[in-house]
Amino acid sequence: MNELELIEKAQLGDKKALSELVKNYEQTVYNFSFKICRDKDKAEHTMQETFMSMVKNIKQFSGKSKLSTWLYTVVSNHCLMLARSSRKHDYAASLDDDDVLIDEKSVADWSVTPDKVTENNELKIILDEAIQKLPADYRIVFLLRDVEGLSTEETGKIVELSIPAVKSRLHRARAFLRNELNQKLKYETA
């Protein structure tokens, strides 16, 4: 049975179809939750909340987007609510301040590709730490675009932002991460 048939059956109250949808997206939702929340318990909580929302609201799913896009939206919203409730916005002000961002003209060629990052465990740890420092709203945009590989348009729909706003947050997140990596690598090699 394809996903569209499962969704239609779930919308009609078929619990087996709903269960199959949960099973199909369980790992994706947990992984994305963990990437944003950076905590096992929060990721599990977010995953449960996401699927509870799906069960409650499957009838409202219109099919105008992919189910995965809808689920990414729910995960993003739950993670943002958790982040806001814990008041961990230490870096939000600095990311919104253009003067704090590094001058792109003075940056050496940043040739660290995702392939090289995964090959080098130490660099991966440094990158993970830098990603964890991003405020949740920037981390979500970065993860959706650069890790999950979604388009700017899909990301905008998920986080309910305009395309220019997504591009701005992505640019600021990348600049922040590049700055963090450059500082850490300079410190490590000094």
N, C-alpha and C. Protein backbone atom coordinates (compact mmCIF):
# COMPACT_ATOMS: atom_id res chain seq x y z
N MET A 1 0.85 -1.18 0.00
CA MET A 1 0.00 0.00 0.00
C MET A 1 0.90 1.25 0.00
N ASN A 2 0.63 2.18 -0.90
CA ASN A 2 1.46 3.38 -0.95
C ASN A 2 1.04 4.38 0.13
N GLU A 3 1.86 5.42 0.28
CA GLU A 3 1.65 6.38 1.36
C GLU A 3 0.31 7.11 1.23
N LEU A 4 -0.06 7.48 0.03
CA LEU A 4 -1.31 8.19 -0.18
C LEU A 4 -2.50 7.33 0.28
N GLU A 5 -2.48 6.05 -0.05
CA GLU A 5 -3.54 5.14 0.40
C GLU A 5 -3.55 5.01 1.92
N LEU A 6 -2.37 4.93 2.51
CA LEU A 6 -2.28 4.85 3.98
C LEU A 6 -2.88 6.10 4.62
N ILE A 7 -2.55 7.27 4.06
CA ILE A 7 -3.07 8.53 4.60
C ILE A 7 -4.59 8.56 4.50
N GLU A 8 -5.11 8.18 3.33
CA GLU A 8 -6.57 8.18 3.15
C GLU A 8 -7.25 7.25 4.13
N LYS A 9 -6.69 6.06 4.32
CA LYS A 9 -7.28 5.11 5.28
C LYS A 9 -7.18 5.64 6.70
N ALA A 10 -6.03 6.24 7.04
CA ALA A 10 -5.85 6.79 8.38
C ALA A 10 -6.86 7.92 8.63
N GLN A 11 -7.12 8.73 7.61
CA GLN A 11 -8.08 9.82 7.75
C GLN A 11 -9.50 9.29 7.96
N LEU A 12 -9.74 8.06 7.50
CA LEU A 12 -11.05 7.43 7.70
C LEU A 12 -11.12 6.65 9.01
N GLY A 13 -10.02 6.70 9.80
CA GLY A 13 -10.03 6.05 11.11
C GLY A 13 -9.37 4.69 11.17
N ASP A 14 -8.72 4.25 10.11
CA ASP A 14 -8.04 2.96 10.10
C ASP A 14 -6.78 3.03 10.96
N LYS A 15 -6.83 2.35 12.11
CA LYS A 15 -5.72 2.41 13.07
C LYS A 15 -4.48 1.69 12.55
N LYS A 16 -4.66 0.66 11.75
CA LYS A 16 -3.51 -0.05 11.18
C LYS A 16 -2.75 0.86 10.21
N ALA A 17 -3.48 1.60 9.42
CA ALA A 17 -2.86 2.53 8.47
C ALA A 17 -2.10 3.62 9.23
N LEU A 18 -2.72 4.14 10.27
CA LEU A 18 -2.09 5.16 11.08
C LEU A 18 -0.82 4.61 11.74
N SER A 19 -0.92 3.41 12.24
CA SER A 19 0.23 2.74 12.86
C SER A 19 1.36 2.55 11.84
N GLU A 20 1.02 2.21 10.62
CA GLU A 20 2.01 2.03 9.57
C GLU A 20 2.70 3.36 9.23
N LEU A 21 1.94 4.43 9.21
CA LEU A 21 2.52 5.76 8.96
C LEU A 21 3.51 6.13 10.07
N VAL A 22 3.11 5.88 11.31
CA VAL A 22 4.01 6.15 12.44
C VAL A 22 5.28 5.33 12.29
N LYS A 23 5.12 4.06 11.98
CA LYS A 23 6.27 3.16 11.82
C LYS A 23 7.19 3.66 10.70
N ASN A 24 6.60 4.11 9.59
CA ASN A 24 7.38 4.58 8.45
C ASN A 24 8.19 5.84 8.76
N TYR A 25 7.66 6.69 9.63
CA TYR A 25 8.32 7.97 9.90
C TYR A 25 8.97 8.05 11.28
N GLU A 26 8.90 7.01 12.04
CA GLU A 26 9.42 7.01 13.41
C GLU A 26 10.90 7.42 13.46
N GLN A 27 11.72 6.79 12.67
CA GLN A 27 13.16 7.07 12.70
C GLN A 27 13.47 8.47 12.18
N THR A 28 12.81 8.87 11.11
CA THR A 28 13.02 10.20 10.53
C THR A 28 12.67 11.29 11.53
N VAL A 29 11.53 11.14 12.19
CA VAL A 29 11.07 12.14 13.16
C VAL A 29 12.01 12.18 14.36
N TYR A 30 12.41 11.01 14.85
CA TYR A 30 13.32 10.99 16.00
C TYR A 30 14.66 11.64 15.63
N ASN A 31 15.22 11.25 14.49
CA ASN A 31 16.52 11.80 14.08
C ASN A 31 16.47 13.31 13.94
N PHE A 32 15.43 13.81 13.29
CA PHE A 32 15.32 15.25 13.11
C PHE A 32 15.11 15.94 14.47
N SER A 33 14.29 15.35 15.33
CA SER A 33 14.07 15.91 16.67
C SER A 33 15.39 15.99 17.43
N PHE A 34 16.17 14.94 17.34
CA PHE A 34 17.45 14.92 18.07
C PHE A 34 18.41 15.97 17.52
N LYS A 35 18.43 16.12 16.20
CA LYS A 35 19.33 17.12 15.59
C LYS A 35 19.00 18.52 16.07
N ILE A 36 17.72 18.79 16.30
CA ILE A 36 17.32 20.12 16.75
C ILE A 36 17.45 20.25 18.26
N CYS A 37 16.91 19.31 18.99
CA CYS A 37 16.88 19.41 20.45
C CYS A 37 18.22 19.09 21.10
N ARG A 38 19.03 18.25 20.45
CA ARG A 38 20.35 17.86 20.93
C ARG A 38 20.29 17.18 22.30
N ASP A 39 19.19 16.52 22.57
CA ASP A 39 19.02 15.84 23.84
C ASP A 39 18.07 14.65 23.61
N LYS A 40 18.49 13.47 24.08
CA LYS A 40 17.73 12.24 23.84
C LYS A 40 16.31 12.33 24.40
N ASP A 41 16.20 12.77 25.65
CA ASP A 41 14.87 12.84 26.28
C ASP A 41 13.95 13.84 25.58
N LYS A 42 14.50 15.01 25.23
CA LYS A 42 13.70 16.01 24.52
C LYS A 42 13.30 15.50 23.14
N ALA A 43 14.22 14.79 22.49
CA ALA A 43 13.92 14.24 21.16
C ALA A 43 12.81 13.20 21.24
N GLU A 44 12.88 12.35 22.24
CA GLU A 44 11.83 11.33 22.42
C GLU A 44 10.50 12.00 22.74
N HIS A 45 10.54 13.01 23.61
CA HIS A 45 9.31 13.75 23.95
C HIS A 45 8.73 14.41 22.70
N THR A 46 9.60 15.05 21.91
CA THR A 46 9.16 15.71 20.69
C THR A 46 8.57 14.70 19.71
N MET A 47 9.21 13.55 19.59
CA MET A 47 8.70 12.51 18.69
C MET A 47 7.29 12.08 19.13
N GLN A 48 7.12 11.85 20.43
CA GLN A 48 5.79 11.46 20.93
C GLN A 48 4.76 12.54 20.67
N GLU A 49 5.12 13.79 20.95
CA GLU A 49 4.21 14.91 20.71
C GLU A 49 3.86 15.03 19.22
N THR A 50 4.85 14.81 18.38
CA THR A 50 4.63 14.90 16.93
C THR A 50 3.63 13.86 16.48
N PHE A 51 3.81 12.63 16.92
CA PHE A 51 2.88 11.58 16.50
C PHE A 51 1.51 11.72 17.16
N MET A 52 1.47 12.28 18.36
CA MET A 52 0.16 12.56 18.96
C MET A 52 -0.56 13.62 18.13
N SER A 53 0.19 14.63 17.69
CA SER A 53 -0.40 15.66 16.82
C SER A 53 -0.87 15.05 15.51
N MET A 54 -0.07 14.14 14.96
CA MET A 54 -0.45 13.49 13.70
C MET A 54 -1.75 12.69 13.88
N VAL A 55 -1.82 11.94 14.96
CA VAL A 55 -3.02 11.12 15.22
C VAL A 55 -4.25 12.03 15.36
N LYS A 56 -4.09 13.11 16.12
CA LYS A 56 -5.22 14.03 16.35
C LYS A 56 -5.63 14.78 15.09
N ASN A 57 -4.65 15.11 14.25
CA ASN A 57 -4.91 16.03 13.14
C ASN A 57 -4.78 15.43 11.75
N ILE A 58 -4.69 14.13 11.64
CA ILE A 58 -4.50 13.51 10.32
C ILE A 58 -5.65 13.85 9.36
N LYS A 59 -6.82 14.06 9.92
CA LYS A 59 -7.97 14.40 9.06
C LYS A 59 -7.82 15.78 8.42
N GLN A 60 -7.04 16.66 9.07
CA GLN A 60 -6.82 18.00 8.52
C GLN A 60 -5.70 18.03 7.48
N PHE A 61 -4.95 16.92 7.37
CA PHE A 61 -3.87 16.90 6.39
C PHE A 61 -4.48 16.94 5.00
N SER A 62 -4.13 18.00 4.25
CA SER A 62 -4.78 18.24 2.95
C SER A 62 -4.08 17.55 1.79
N GLY A 63 -2.84 17.15 1.99
CA GLY A 63 -2.10 16.53 0.89
C GLY A 63 -1.48 17.54 -0.05
N LYS A 64 -1.53 18.83 0.29
CA LYS A 64 -0.92 19.86 -0.56
C LYS A 64 0.60 19.80 -0.49
N SER A 65 1.10 19.21 0.58
CA SER A 65 2.55 19.00 0.71
C SER A 65 2.75 17.52 1.02
N LYS A 66 4.01 17.13 1.07
CA LYS A 66 4.30 15.75 1.43
C LYS A 66 4.04 15.57 2.93
N LEU A 67 3.72 14.35 3.33
CA LEU A 67 3.50 14.08 4.75
C LEU A 67 4.78 14.39 5.53
N SER A 68 5.93 14.09 4.95
CA SER A 68 7.20 14.36 5.65
C SER A 68 7.35 15.86 5.91
N THR A 69 6.95 16.70 4.98
CA THR A 69 7.03 18.15 5.17
C THR A 69 6.13 18.58 6.32
N TRP A 70 4.95 18.00 6.37
CA TRP A 70 4.00 18.29 7.45
C TRP A 70 4.61 17.87 8.79
N LEU A 71 5.22 16.69 8.83
CA LEU A 71 5.83 16.20 10.08
C LEU A 71 7.03 17.05 10.49
N TYR A 72 7.85 17.47 9.52
CA TYR A 72 8.96 18.37 9.84
C TYR A 72 8.44 19.66 10.48
N THR A 73 7.30 20.14 9.99
CA THR A 73 6.70 21.35 10.55
C THR A 73 6.31 21.13 12.00
N VAL A 74 5.67 20.00 12.28
CA VAL A 74 5.23 19.68 13.64
C VAL A 74 6.44 19.55 14.56
N VAL A 75 7.47 18.82 14.10
CA VAL A 75 8.69 18.65 14.91
C VAL A 75 9.31 20.02 15.19
N SER A 76 9.43 20.84 14.15
CA SER A 76 10.03 22.17 14.31
C SER A 76 9.27 22.99 15.34
N ASN A 77 7.96 22.97 15.25
CA ASN A 77 7.15 23.73 16.20
C ASN A 77 7.32 23.23 17.63
N HIS A 78 7.34 21.92 17.82
CA HIS A 78 7.52 21.37 19.16
C HIS A 78 8.91 21.71 19.71
N CYS A 79 9.93 21.61 18.88
CA CYS A 79 11.29 21.93 19.33
C CYS A 79 11.42 23.41 19.66
N LEU A 80 10.81 24.26 18.85
CA LEU A 80 10.86 25.70 19.14
C LEU A 80 10.14 26.02 20.45
N MET A 81 9.02 25.35 20.70
CA MET A 81 8.31 25.57 21.95
C MET A 81 9.17 25.14 23.14
N LEU A 82 9.86 24.01 23.01
CA LEU A 82 10.76 23.55 24.07
C LEU A 82 11.89 24.55 24.29
N ALA A 83 12.46 25.02 23.20
CA ALA A 83 13.57 25.97 23.29
C ALA A 83 13.12 27.27 23.95
N ARG A 84 11.94 27.74 23.56
CA ARG A 84 11.43 28.99 24.14
C ARG A 84 11.12 28.82 25.61
N SER A 85 10.59 27.66 25.97
CA SER A 85 10.25 27.45 27.38
C SER A 85 11.49 27.32 28.24
N SER A 86 12.60 26.88 27.67
CA SER A 86 13.83 26.76 28.46
C SER A 86 14.67 28.03 28.40
N ARG A 87 14.24 29.01 27.59
CA ARG A 87 14.89 30.33 27.51
C ARG A 87 16.38 30.25 27.18
N LYS A 88 16.72 29.38 26.25
CA LYS A 88 18.12 29.27 25.86
C LYS A 88 18.35 29.99 24.54
N HIS A 89 18.31 31.30 24.58
CA HIS A 89 18.53 32.10 23.38
C HIS A 89 19.80 32.93 23.53
N ASP A 90 20.84 32.32 24.06
CA ASP A 90 22.08 33.04 24.32
C ASP A 90 22.65 33.71 23.08
N TYR A 91 22.58 33.04 21.93
CA TYR A 91 23.23 33.54 20.74
C TYR A 91 22.28 34.27 19.79
N ALA A 92 21.01 34.32 20.11
CA ALA A 92 20.04 34.92 19.19
C ALA A 92 20.38 36.37 18.88
N ALA A 93 20.70 37.13 19.90
CA ALA A 93 20.98 38.54 19.66
C ALA A 93 22.21 38.70 18.78
N SER A 94 23.23 37.90 19.03
CA SER A 94 24.45 38.05 18.24
C SER A 94 24.24 37.65 16.79
N LEU A 95 23.39 36.72 16.51
CA LEU A 95 23.13 36.33 15.13
C LEU A 95 22.30 37.38 14.41
N ASP A 96 21.54 38.14 15.14
CA ASP A 96 20.75 39.19 14.51
C ASP A 96 21.54 40.48 14.34
N ASP A 97 22.72 40.55 14.90
CA ASP A 97 23.56 41.73 14.81
C ASP A 97 24.57 41.55 13.68
N ASP A 98 24.41 42.32 12.61
CA ASP A 98 25.29 42.19 11.45
C ASP A 98 26.75 42.45 11.79
N ASP A 99 27.03 43.30 12.78
CA ASP A 99 28.41 43.62 13.12
C ASP A 99 29.16 42.43 13.71
N VAL A 100 28.43 41.50 14.30
CA VAL A 100 29.07 40.35 14.93
C VAL A 100 29.48 39.31 13.89
N LEU A 101 28.75 39.24 12.79
CA LEU A 101 29.08 38.27 11.75
C LEU A 101 30.42 38.60 11.12
N ILE A 102 31.12 37.57 10.76
CA ILE A 102 32.44 37.80 10.18
C ILE A 102 32.31 38.41 8.80
N ASP A 103 33.30 39.19 8.44
CA ASP A 103 33.34 39.79 7.13
C ASP A 103 33.74 38.73 6.12
N GLU A 104 32.83 38.40 5.22
CA GLU A 104 33.06 37.30 4.28
C GLU A 104 34.27 37.54 3.39
N LYS A 105 34.65 38.81 3.18
CA LYS A 105 35.80 39.10 2.32
C LYS A 105 37.10 38.68 2.98
N SER A 106 37.12 38.70 4.32
CA SER A 106 38.35 38.38 5.03
C SER A 106 38.48 36.89 5.36
N VAL A 107 37.51 36.12 4.98
CA VAL A 107 37.54 34.68 5.28
C VAL A 107 38.30 33.94 4.20
N ALA A 108 39.20 33.10 4.64
CA ALA A 108 39.90 32.26 3.68
C ALA A 108 38.92 31.27 3.09
N ASP A 109 39.30 30.68 2.00
CA ASP A 109 38.43 29.70 1.35
C ASP A 109 38.04 28.61 2.34
N TRP A 110 36.76 28.48 2.58
CA TRP A 110 36.26 27.50 3.54
C TRP A 110 35.93 26.24 2.75
N SER A 111 36.88 25.34 2.67
CA SER A 111 36.71 24.19 1.79
C SER A 111 36.33 22.93 2.54
N VAL A 112 35.78 23.08 3.74
CA VAL A 112 35.35 21.90 4.48
C VAL A 112 34.00 21.46 3.91
N THR A 113 33.99 20.33 3.25
CA THR A 113 32.75 19.82 2.68
C THR A 113 32.12 18.82 3.64
N PRO A 114 30.83 18.55 3.50
CA PRO A 114 30.20 17.56 4.38
C PRO A 114 30.91 16.20 4.34
N ASP A 115 31.43 15.80 3.18
CA ASP A 115 32.14 14.53 3.09
C ASP A 115 33.37 14.52 3.98
N LYS A 116 34.14 15.62 3.93
CA LYS A 116 35.35 15.70 4.74
C LYS A 116 35.02 15.75 6.22
N VAL A 117 33.91 16.41 6.57
CA VAL A 117 33.52 16.52 7.96
C VAL A 117 33.23 15.14 8.55
N THR A 118 32.48 14.33 7.81
CA THR A 118 32.14 13.01 8.32
C THR A 118 33.35 12.08 8.36
N GLU A 119 34.33 12.32 7.49
CA GLU A 119 35.54 11.51 7.51
C GLU A 119 36.42 11.84 8.70
N ASN A 120 36.34 13.03 9.20
CA ASN A 120 37.20 13.47 10.28
C ASN A 120 36.38 13.60 11.56
N ASN A 121 36.52 12.63 12.45
CA ASN A 121 35.71 12.59 13.67
C ASN A 121 35.88 13.83 14.54
N GLU A 122 37.09 14.30 14.66
CA GLU A 122 37.36 15.46 15.49
C GLU A 122 36.64 16.69 14.95
N LEU A 123 36.69 16.89 13.65
CA LEU A 123 36.01 18.01 13.03
C LEU A 123 34.50 17.87 13.17
N LYS A 124 34.01 16.64 13.09
CA LYS A 124 32.58 16.40 13.26
C LYS A 124 32.12 16.81 14.65
N ILE A 125 32.92 16.50 15.65
CA ILE A 125 32.58 16.88 17.03
C ILE A 125 32.55 18.40 17.15
N ILE A 126 33.54 19.06 16.58
CA ILE A 126 33.60 20.52 16.62
C ILE A 126 32.37 21.11 15.92
N LEU A 127 32.01 20.57 14.76
CA LEU A 127 30.84 21.06 14.03
C LEU A 127 29.57 20.82 14.83
N ASP A 128 29.43 19.64 15.42
CA ASP A 128 28.24 19.35 16.24
C ASP A 128 28.12 20.33 17.39
N GLU A 129 29.25 20.65 18.03
CA GLU A 129 29.22 21.61 19.14
C GLU A 129 28.79 22.99 18.64
N ALA A 130 29.29 23.37 17.47
CA ALA A 130 28.93 24.67 16.91
C ALA A 130 27.44 24.71 16.55
N ILE A 131 26.93 23.64 15.94
CA ILE A 131 25.51 23.58 15.60
C ILE A 131 24.65 23.67 16.85
N GLN A 132 25.11 23.04 17.92
CA GLN A 132 24.37 23.06 19.17
C GLN A 132 24.27 24.48 19.74
N LYS A 133 25.24 25.33 19.44
CA LYS A 133 25.23 26.71 19.92
C LYS A 133 24.23 27.59 19.17
N LEU A 134 23.81 27.17 17.98
CA LEU A 134 22.84 27.95 17.23
C LEU A 134 21.51 28.00 17.97
N PRO A 135 20.84 29.14 17.97
CA PRO A 135 19.49 29.18 18.53
C PRO A 135 18.58 28.25 17.71
N ALA A 136 17.56 27.73 18.34
CA ALA A 136 16.70 26.73 17.70
C ALA A 136 16.16 27.20 16.35
N ASP A 137 15.75 28.48 16.22
CA ASP A 137 15.16 28.93 14.95
C ASP A 137 16.17 28.90 13.80
N TYR A 138 17.42 29.18 14.12
CA TYR A 138 18.47 29.13 13.09
C TYR A 138 18.90 27.68 12.85
N ARG A 139 18.97 26.90 13.93
CA ARG A 139 19.37 25.50 13.82
C ARG A 139 18.39 24.72 12.95
N ILE A 140 17.10 24.98 13.11
CA ILE A 140 16.08 24.29 12.32
C ILE A 140 16.26 24.59 10.84
N VAL A 141 16.42 25.87 10.51
CA VAL A 141 16.60 26.25 9.10
C VAL A 141 17.87 25.60 8.53
N PHE A 142 18.96 25.67 9.28
CA PHE A 142 20.22 25.07 8.83
C PHE A 142 20.07 23.57 8.61
N LEU A 143 19.45 22.89 9.57
CA LEU A 143 19.31 21.43 9.47
C LEU A 143 18.39 21.03 8.32
N LEU A 144 17.29 21.75 8.16
CA LEU A 144 16.37 21.43 7.07
C LEU A 144 17.04 21.61 5.71
N ARG A 145 17.76 22.72 5.54
CA ARG A 145 18.38 23.00 4.23
C ARG A 145 19.66 22.20 4.00
N ASP A 146 20.60 22.29 4.95
CA ASP A 146 21.93 21.76 4.69
C ASP A 146 22.12 20.31 5.14
N VAL A 147 21.32 19.84 6.05
CA VAL A 147 21.46 18.45 6.50
C VAL A 147 20.40 17.56 5.86
N GLU A 148 19.14 18.00 5.93
CA GLU A 148 18.06 17.20 5.36
C GLU A 148 17.94 17.40 3.85
N GLY A 149 18.51 18.49 3.33
CA GLY A 149 18.52 18.72 1.89
C GLY A 149 17.22 19.22 1.30
N LEU A 150 16.38 19.83 2.12
CA LEU A 150 15.11 20.37 1.60
C LEU A 150 15.37 21.68 0.86
N SER A 151 14.47 22.03 -0.01
CA SER A 151 14.60 23.28 -0.76
C SER A 151 14.29 24.47 0.15
N THR A 152 14.64 25.65 -0.32
CA THR A 152 14.34 26.88 0.42
C THR A 152 12.83 27.03 0.58
N GLU A 153 12.10 26.71 -0.48
CA GLU A 153 10.63 26.82 -0.44
C GLU A 153 10.04 25.87 0.60
N GLU A 154 10.49 24.60 0.58
CA GLU A 154 9.98 23.62 1.55
C GLU A 154 10.31 24.05 2.97
N THR A 155 11.53 24.52 3.17
CA THR A 155 11.94 24.98 4.49
C THR A 155 11.07 26.14 4.94
N GLY A 156 10.80 27.08 4.04
CA GLY A 156 9.95 28.22 4.37
C GLY A 156 8.56 27.79 4.81
N LYS A 157 8.00 26.81 4.09
CA LYS A 157 6.67 26.32 4.47
C LYS A 157 6.70 25.66 5.84
N ILE A 158 7.73 24.89 6.11
CA ILE A 158 7.82 24.17 7.38
C ILE A 158 7.94 25.13 8.56
N VAL A 159 8.79 26.13 8.44
CA VAL A 159 9.02 27.05 9.55
C VAL A 159 8.17 28.32 9.45
N GLU A 160 7.31 28.37 8.44
CA GLU A 160 6.40 29.48 8.23
C GLU A 160 7.15 30.81 8.11
N LEU A 161 8.14 30.81 7.21
CA LEU A 161 8.92 32.01 6.92
C LEU A 161 8.92 32.25 5.42
N SER A 162 9.14 33.50 5.05
CA SER A 162 9.27 33.81 3.63
C SER A 162 10.61 33.27 3.13
N ILE A 163 10.74 33.14 1.82
CA ILE A 163 11.98 32.66 1.23
C ILE A 163 13.15 33.58 1.61
N PRO A 164 12.99 34.90 1.51
CA PRO A 164 14.11 35.77 1.93
C PRO A 164 14.49 35.58 3.41
N ALA A 165 13.50 35.35 4.26
CA ALA A 165 13.80 35.13 5.69
C ALA A 165 14.57 33.83 5.89
N VAL A 166 14.18 32.79 5.16
CA VAL A 166 14.91 31.51 5.24
C VAL A 166 16.34 31.71 4.78
N LYS A 167 16.51 32.39 3.66
CA LYS A 167 17.85 32.63 3.13
C LYS A 167 18.69 33.44 4.12
N SER A 168 18.08 34.43 4.75
CA SER A 168 18.78 35.25 5.72
C SER A 168 19.22 34.42 6.92
N ARG A 169 18.31 33.63 7.46
CA ARG A 169 18.66 32.79 8.62
C ARG A 169 19.72 31.76 8.25
N LEU A 170 19.60 31.20 7.06
CA LEU A 170 20.58 30.21 6.62
C LEU A 170 21.95 30.87 6.47
N HIS A 171 21.97 32.05 5.87
CA HIS A 171 23.23 32.77 5.70
C HIS A 171 23.87 33.07 7.06
N ARG A 172 23.07 33.56 7.99
CA ARG A 172 23.57 33.89 9.33
C ARG A 172 24.03 32.64 10.07
N ALA A 173 23.28 31.54 9.94
CA ALA A 173 23.68 30.29 10.60
C ALA A 173 25.00 29.78 10.03
N ARG A 174 25.13 29.81 8.71
CA ARG A 174 26.37 29.36 8.08
C ARG A 174 27.54 30.24 8.49
N ALA A 175 27.32 31.56 8.50
CA ALA A 175 28.39 32.48 8.90
C ALA A 175 28.81 32.24 10.35
N PHE A 176 27.82 32.02 11.20
CA PHE A 176 28.12 31.74 12.60
C PHE A 176 28.92 30.44 12.72
N LEU A 177 28.48 29.40 12.02
CA LEU A 177 29.18 28.11 12.08
C LEU A 177 30.59 28.22 11.51
N ARG A 178 30.72 28.94 10.42
CA ARG A 178 32.04 29.13 9.82
C ARG A 178 32.96 29.85 10.80
N ASN A 179 32.44 30.87 11.46
CA ASN A 179 33.20 31.61 12.45
C ASN A 179 33.60 30.71 13.62
N GLU A 180 32.66 29.93 14.12
CA GLU A 180 32.93 29.01 15.21
C GLU A 180 34.02 28.00 14.83
N LEU A 181 33.90 27.44 13.63
CA LEU A 181 34.90 26.46 13.17
C LEU A 181 36.26 27.11 13.01
N ASN A 182 36.29 28.30 12.40
CA ASN A 182 37.57 28.98 12.21
C ASN A 182 38.24 29.28 13.55
N GLN A 183 37.46 29.76 14.51
CA GLN A 183 38.02 30.07 15.83
C GLN A 183 38.53 28.81 16.51
N LYS A 184 37.74 27.76 16.47
CA LYS A 184 38.12 26.51 17.14
C LYS A 184 39.36 25.90 16.47
N LEU A 185 39.37 25.92 15.14
CA LEU A 185 40.51 25.33 14.44
C LEU A 185 41.78 26.16 14.62
N LYS A 186 41.65 27.49 14.69
CA LYS A 186 42.81 28.34 14.97
C LYS A 186 43.36 28.05 16.35
N TYR A 187 42.44 27.88 17.32
CA TYR A 187 42.82 27.60 18.70
C TYR A 187 43.50 26.23 18.79
N GLU A 188 42.94 25.25 18.08
CA GLU A 188 43.48 23.89 18.10
C GLU A 188 44.88 23.82 17.50
N THR A 189 45.12 24.62 16.45
CA THR A 189 46.40 24.54 15.75
C THR A 189 47.44 25.49 16.35
N ALA A 190 47.02 26.39 17.23
CA ALA A 190 47.96 27.34 17.83
C ALA A 190 48.79 26.71 18.93
